[in-house]
C-alpha atoms as a PDB file:
ATOM      1  CA  MET A   1     -75.188 -12.725   2.598  1.00  0.00           C
ATOM      2  CA  ILE A   2     -75.169 -10.533  -0.647  1.00  0.00           C
ATOM      3  CA  SER A   3     -72.294  -8.309  -1.309  1.00  0.00           C
ATOM      4  CA  ARG A   4     -72.849  -4.934  -2.681  1.00  0.00           C
ATOM      5  CA  TYR A   5     -70.729  -5.755  -5.788  1.00  0.00           C
ATOM      6  CA  THR A   6     -73.135  -8.667  -6.417  1.00  0.00           C
ATOM      7  CA  ALA A   7     -76.126  -6.497  -5.811  1.00  0.00           C
ATOM      8  CA  GLU A   8     -74.714  -3.986  -8.420  1.00  0.00           C
ATOM      9  CA  VAL A   9     -73.904  -6.352 -10.982  1.00  0.00           C
ATOM     10  CA  GLY A  10     -77.246  -8.166 -10.535  1.00  0.00           C
ATOM     11  CA  THR A  11     -79.232  -5.060 -10.806  1.00  0.00           C
ATOM     12  CA  ALA A  12     -77.206  -3.613 -13.708  1.00  0.00           C
ATOM     13  CA  THR A  13     -77.877  -6.863 -15.622  1.00  0.00           C
ATOM     14  CA  LEU A  14     -81.467  -6.951 -14.954  1.00  0.00           C
ATOM     15  CA  THR A  15     -81.979  -3.276 -16.007  1.00  0.00           C
ATOM     16  CA  ALA A  16     -79.742  -4.020 -19.064  1.00  0.00           C
ATOM     17  CA  GLY A  17     -82.189  -6.857 -20.030  1.00  0.00           C
ATOM     18  CA  LEU A  18     -85.180  -4.745 -19.587  1.00  0.00           C
ATOM     19  CA  GLY A  19     -83.670  -2.066 -21.815  1.00  0.00           C
ATOM     20  CA  LEU A  20     -82.875  -4.531 -24.424  1.00  0.00           C
ATOM     21  CA  ALA A  21     -86.501  -5.911 -24.290  1.00  0.00           C
ATOM     22  CA  ALA A  22     -87.732  -2.317 -24.726  1.00  0.00           C
ATOM     23  CA  VAL A  23     -85.370  -1.870 -27.702  1.00  0.00           C
ATOM     24  CA  VAL A  24     -86.145  -5.208 -29.578  1.00  0.00           C
ATOM     25  CA  GLY A  25     -90.056  -4.404 -28.884  1.00  0.00           C
ATOM     26  CA  ALA A  26     -89.779  -0.962 -30.221  1.00  0.00           C
ATOM     27  CA  LEU A  27     -88.297  -2.289 -33.446  1.00  0.00           C
ATOM     28  CA  GLU A  28     -91.708  -4.140 -34.235  1.00  0.00           C
ATOM     29  CA  PHE A  29     -93.337  -0.711 -34.224  1.00  0.00           C
ATOM     30  CA  GLY A  30     -90.823   1.239 -36.153  1.00  0.00           C
ATOM     31  CA  ILE A  31     -88.210   3.642 -34.807  1.00  0.00           C
ATOM     32  CA  GLY A  32     -87.924   5.929 -37.906  1.00  0.00           C
ATOM     33  CA  TRP A  33     -89.863   9.037 -39.111  1.00  0.00           C
ATOM     34  CA  GLY A  34     -93.094   8.596 -40.858  1.00  0.00           C
ATOM     35  CA  ASP A  35     -95.453  11.077 -42.638  1.00  0.00           C
ATOM     36  CA  ALA A  36     -96.879  12.208 -39.276  1.00  0.00           C
ATOM     37  CA  GLY A  37     -93.711  12.398 -37.476  1.00  0.00           C
ATOM     38  CA  PRO A  38     -91.848   9.835 -35.429  1.00  0.00           C
ATOM     39  CA  GLU A  39     -93.037   6.187 -35.597  1.00  0.00           C
ATOM     40  CA  PRO A  40     -94.579   4.555 -32.544  1.00  0.00           C
ATOM     41  CA  GLY A  41     -91.374   2.753 -31.339  1.00  0.00           C
ATOM     42  CA  ALA A  42     -89.129   5.672 -31.638  1.00  0.00           C
ATOM     43  CA  PHE A  43     -89.507   6.912 -28.067  1.00  0.00           C
ATOM     44  CA  PRO A  44     -89.482   3.281 -26.461  1.00  0.00           C
ATOM     45  CA  PHE A  45     -86.306   2.511 -28.619  1.00  0.00           C
ATOM     46  CA  TYR A  46     -84.183   5.524 -27.248  1.00  0.00           C
ATOM     47  CA  ILE A  47     -85.303   5.134 -23.788  1.00  0.00           C
ATOM     48  CA  GLY A  48     -84.298   1.463 -23.922  1.00  0.00           C
ATOM     49  CA  LEU A  49     -80.935   2.292 -25.336  1.00  0.00           C
ATOM     50  CA  LEU A  50     -80.420   4.878 -22.654  1.00  0.00           C
ATOM     51  CA  VAL A  51     -81.373   2.281 -19.912  1.00  0.00           C
ATOM     52  CA  VAL A  52     -79.023  -0.334 -21.758  1.00  0.00           C
ATOM     53  CA  ALA A  53     -76.087   2.341 -21.934  1.00  0.00           C
ATOM     54  CA  ALA A  54     -76.726   3.140 -18.105  1.00  0.00           C
ATOM     55  CA  SER A  55     -76.771  -0.483 -17.056  1.00  0.00           C
ATOM     56  CA  VAL A  56     -73.308  -0.809 -18.941  1.00  0.00           C
ATOM     57  CA  GLY A  57     -72.097   1.976 -17.240  1.00  0.00           C
ATOM     58  CA  THR A  58     -72.975   0.779 -13.888  1.00  0.00           C
ATOM     59  CA  LEU A  59     -71.305  -2.668 -14.690  1.00  0.00           C
ATOM     60  CA  ILE A  60     -68.189  -1.046 -15.660  1.00  0.00           C
ATOM     61  CA  GLN A  61     -68.149   1.209 -12.748  1.00  0.00           C
ATOM     62  CA  ALA A  62     -68.845  -1.609 -10.306  1.00  0.00           C
ATOM     63  CA  THR A  63     -66.044  -3.903 -11.865  1.00  0.00           C
ATOM     64  CA  VAL A  64     -63.590  -1.007 -11.685  1.00  0.00           C
ATOM     65  CA  GLY A  65     -64.454  -0.329  -8.364  1.00  0.00           C
ATOM     66  CA  ARG A  66     -64.959  -3.778  -7.147  1.00  0.00           C
ATOM     67  CA  ARG A  67     -62.655  -3.361  -3.988  1.00  0.00           C
ATOM     68  CA  GLY A  68     -64.784  -0.846  -2.580  1.00  0.00           C
ATOM     69  CA  LEU A  69     -67.975  -2.744  -2.998  1.00  0.00           C
ATOM     70  CA  GLN A  70     -67.171  -5.844  -0.719  1.00  0.00           C
ATOM     71  CA  SER A  71     -69.265  -4.533   2.086  1.00  0.00           C
ATOM     72  CA  VAL A  72     -72.462  -6.674   2.916  1.00  0.00           C
ATOM     73  CA  PHE A  73     -75.508  -5.441   1.013  1.00  0.00           C
ATOM     74  CA  LEU A  74     -78.131  -7.889   2.382  1.00  0.00           C
ATOM     75  CA  HIS A  75     -77.652 -10.008   5.594  1.00  0.00           C
ATOM     76  CA  ARG A  76     -79.757 -13.252   6.107  1.00  0.00           C
ATOM     77  CA  GLU A  77     -82.413 -11.447   8.342  1.00  0.00           C
ATOM     78  CA  GLU A  78     -82.885  -8.677   5.786  1.00  0.00           C
ATOM     79  CA  ALA A  79     -83.303 -11.205   3.068  1.00  0.00           C
ATOM     80  CA  LYS A  80     -85.986 -12.994   4.984  1.00  0.00           C
ATOM     81  CA  ARG A  81     -87.757  -9.655   5.643  1.00  0.00           C
ATOM     82  CA  VAL A  82     -87.611  -8.859   1.894  1.00  0.00           C
ATOM     83  CA  ALA A  83     -88.806 -12.266   1.089  1.00  0.00           C
ATOM     84  CA  SER A  84     -91.804 -12.051   3.251  1.00  0.00           C
ATOM     85  CA  PHE A  85     -93.021  -9.120   0.875  1.00  0.00           C
ATOM     86  CA  PHE A  86     -91.754 -10.456  -2.380  1.00  0.00           C
ATOM     87  CA  LEU A  87     -93.428 -14.060  -2.185  1.00  0.00           C
ATOM     88  CA  PRO A  88     -96.890 -12.595  -1.393  1.00  0.00           C
ATOM     89  CA  MET A  89     -96.399 -10.192  -4.331  1.00  0.00           C
ATOM     90  CA  LEU A  90     -95.457 -12.992  -6.524  1.00  0.00           C
ATOM     91  CA  ALA A  91     -98.548 -15.136  -5.322  1.00  0.00           C
ATOM     92  CA  PHE A  92    -100.802 -12.106  -6.212  1.00  0.00           C
ATOM     93  CA  VAL A  93     -99.581 -12.290  -9.809  1.00  0.00           C
ATOM     94  CA  VAL A  94    -100.417 -15.773 -10.187  1.00  0.00           C
ATOM     95  CA  VAL A  95    -103.875 -15.514  -8.359  1.00  0.00           C
ATOM     96  CA  ALA A  96    -104.579 -12.511 -10.491  1.00  0.00           C
ATOM     97  CA  ARG A  97    -104.086 -14.412 -13.675  1.00  0.00           C
ATOM     98  CA  LEU A  98    -106.048 -17.278 -12.307  1.00  0.00           C
ATOM     99  CA  LEU A  99    -108.972 -15.657 -10.539  1.00  0.00           C
ATOM    100  CA  GLY A 100    -108.977 -12.094 -11.652  1.00  0.00           C
ATOM    101  CA  LEU A 101    -107.376  -8.885 -10.268  1.00  0.00           C
ATOM    102  CA  TYR A 102    -110.291  -8.040  -7.890  1.00  0.00           C
ATOM    103  CA  VAL A 103    -110.049 -11.228  -6.019  1.00  0.00           C
ATOM    104  CA  ALA A 104    -106.372 -11.434  -5.840  1.00  0.00           C
ATOM    105  CA  THR A 105    -106.519  -7.855  -4.504  1.00  0.00           C
ATOM    106  CA  ALA A 106    -108.818  -8.921  -1.627  1.00  0.00           C
ATOM    107  CA  LEU A 107    -106.811 -12.071  -0.958  1.00  0.00           C
ATOM    108  CA  TYR A 108    -103.429 -10.259  -1.026  1.00  0.00           C
ATOM    109  CA  LEU A 109    -104.612  -7.384   1.301  1.00  0.00           C
ATOM    110  CA  SER A 110    -106.295  -9.747   3.650  1.00  0.00           C
ATOM    111  CA  PHE A 111    -103.273 -11.815   4.035  1.00  0.00           C
ATOM    112  CA  VAL A 112    -100.848  -9.080   4.169  1.00  0.00           C
ATOM    113  CA  MET A 113    -102.618  -7.277   6.842  1.00  0.00           C
ATOM    114  CA  TRP A 114    -103.394 -10.474   8.758  1.00  0.00           C
ATOM    115  CA  VAL A 115     -99.766 -11.963   8.864  1.00  0.00           C
ATOM    116  CA  GLN A 116     -97.408  -8.997   8.392  1.00  0.00           C
ATOM    117  CA  GLY A 117     -99.634  -6.224   9.778  1.00  0.00           C
ATOM    118  CA  LYS A 118    -101.073  -8.309  12.753  1.00  0.00           C
ATOM    119  CA  TYR A 119    -104.409  -7.170  12.203  1.00  0.00           C
ATOM    120  CA  ARG A 120    -107.259  -9.396  13.413  1.00  0.00           C
ATOM    121  CA  PHE A 121    -108.359 -11.909  10.764  1.00  0.00           C
ATOM    122  CA  VAL A 122    -112.017 -10.410  10.575  1.00  0.00           C
ATOM    123  CA  ILE A 123    -110.620  -6.899  10.125  1.00  0.00           C
ATOM    124  CA  ALA A 124    -108.228  -8.017   7.625  1.00  0.00           C
ATOM    125  CA  VAL A 125    -110.544  -9.844   5.363  1.00  0.00           C
ATOM    126  CA  ALA A 126    -113.277  -7.016   5.659  1.00  0.00           C
ATOM    127  CA  SER A 127    -110.584  -4.557   4.465  1.00  0.00           C
ATOM    128  CA  GLY A 128    -109.395  -6.619   1.789  1.00  0.00           C
ATOM    129  CA  ILE A 129    -112.788  -7.225   0.305  1.00  0.00           C
ATOM    130  CA  ALA A 130    -113.775  -3.416   1.044  1.00  0.00           C
ATOM    131  CA  ALA A 131    -110.622  -2.303  -1.080  1.00  0.00           C
ATOM    132  CA  ALA A 132    -111.547  -4.632  -3.935  1.00  0.00           C
ATOM    133  CA  VAL A 133    -115.100  -3.524  -4.042  1.00  0.00           C
ATOM    134  CA  ILE A 134    -113.933   0.162  -4.024  1.00  0.00           C
ATOM    135  CA  PHE A 135    -111.343  -0.388  -6.529  1.00  0.00           C
ATOM    136  CA  TYR A 136    -114.032  -2.235  -8.813  1.00  0.00           C
ATOM    137  CA  PHE A 137    -116.512   0.842  -8.494  1.00  0.00           C
ATOM    138  CA  VAL A 138    -113.885   3.410  -9.071  1.00  0.00           C
ATOM    139  CA  LEU A 139    -112.050   1.767 -11.961  1.00  0.00           C
ATOM    140  CA  GLU A 140    -114.677  -0.244 -13.852  1.00  0.00           C
ATOM    141  CA  VAL A 141    -117.922   1.920 -13.111  1.00  0.00           C
ATOM    142  CA  ALA A 142    -116.484   5.460 -12.639  1.00  0.00           C
ATOM    143  CA  PHE A 143    -113.477   5.373 -14.990  1.00  0.00           C
ATOM    144  CA  GLN A 144    -114.799   2.691 -17.231  1.00  0.00           C
ATOM    145  CA  VAL A 145    -111.337   1.023 -17.127  1.00  0.00           C
ATOM    146  CA  PRO A 146    -111.727  -2.819 -17.627  1.00  0.00           C
ATOM    147  CA  LEU A 147    -109.272  -4.815 -15.755  1.00  0.00           C
ATOM    148  CA  LEU A 148    -108.436  -8.607 -15.597  1.00  0.00           C
ATOM    149  CA  LYS A 149    -111.408 -10.490 -14.402  1.00  0.00           C
ATOM    150  CA  GLY A 150    -111.866 -14.181 -13.328  1.00  0.00           C
ATOM    151  CA  PRO A 151    -114.481 -16.747 -12.650  1.00  0.00           C
ATOM    152  CA  LEU A 152    -116.065 -15.094  -9.756  1.00  0.00           C
ATOM    153  CA  GLU A 153    -116.657 -11.790 -11.716  1.00  0.00           C
ATOM    154  CA  ALA A 154    -118.181 -13.937 -14.481  1.00  0.00           C
ATOM    155  CA  ALA A 155    -120.499 -15.841 -11.980  1.00  0.00           C
ATOM    156  CA  LEU A 156    -121.561 -12.484 -10.582  1.00  0.00           C
ATOM    157  CA  GLY A 157    -122.194 -10.981 -14.139  1.00  0.00           C
ATOM    158  CA  LEU A 158    -119.509  -8.340 -13.718  1.00  0.00           C
ATOM    159  CA  TYR A 159    -118.278  -8.630 -17.179  1.00  0.00           C
END
């Protein structure tokens, strides 16, 4: 089980890290004022600082009010339920990098519909493939937004 205090500290640490990454990344683009106005990194820099400040505030608040945050945040059964959604999403990211976004989408939707949604296998696979095809036509053809493609799209000449 995870206490609410642990969840607060973990979340604040994670968001502080993300804010710090935004600040460091923004410095590469410049945060000052140029001839045409603010440089490209100015807005992300200040948003990153805001996120870091809010995270530090959350850490302080959690530390000061630690006694009131001892209740259970996540039980074992709830953690299993969260993992059942998180692990397929993590697999989606890995498969998207290896096989392309559309193949990963078809596999992810098919798996989630079949395993978690309890749909029949044929319906789940057909829905996953249909969604990937629709996404391809909407994004690549209609809006001309190229997304990550893999070896299957290359074999079909969809580059």
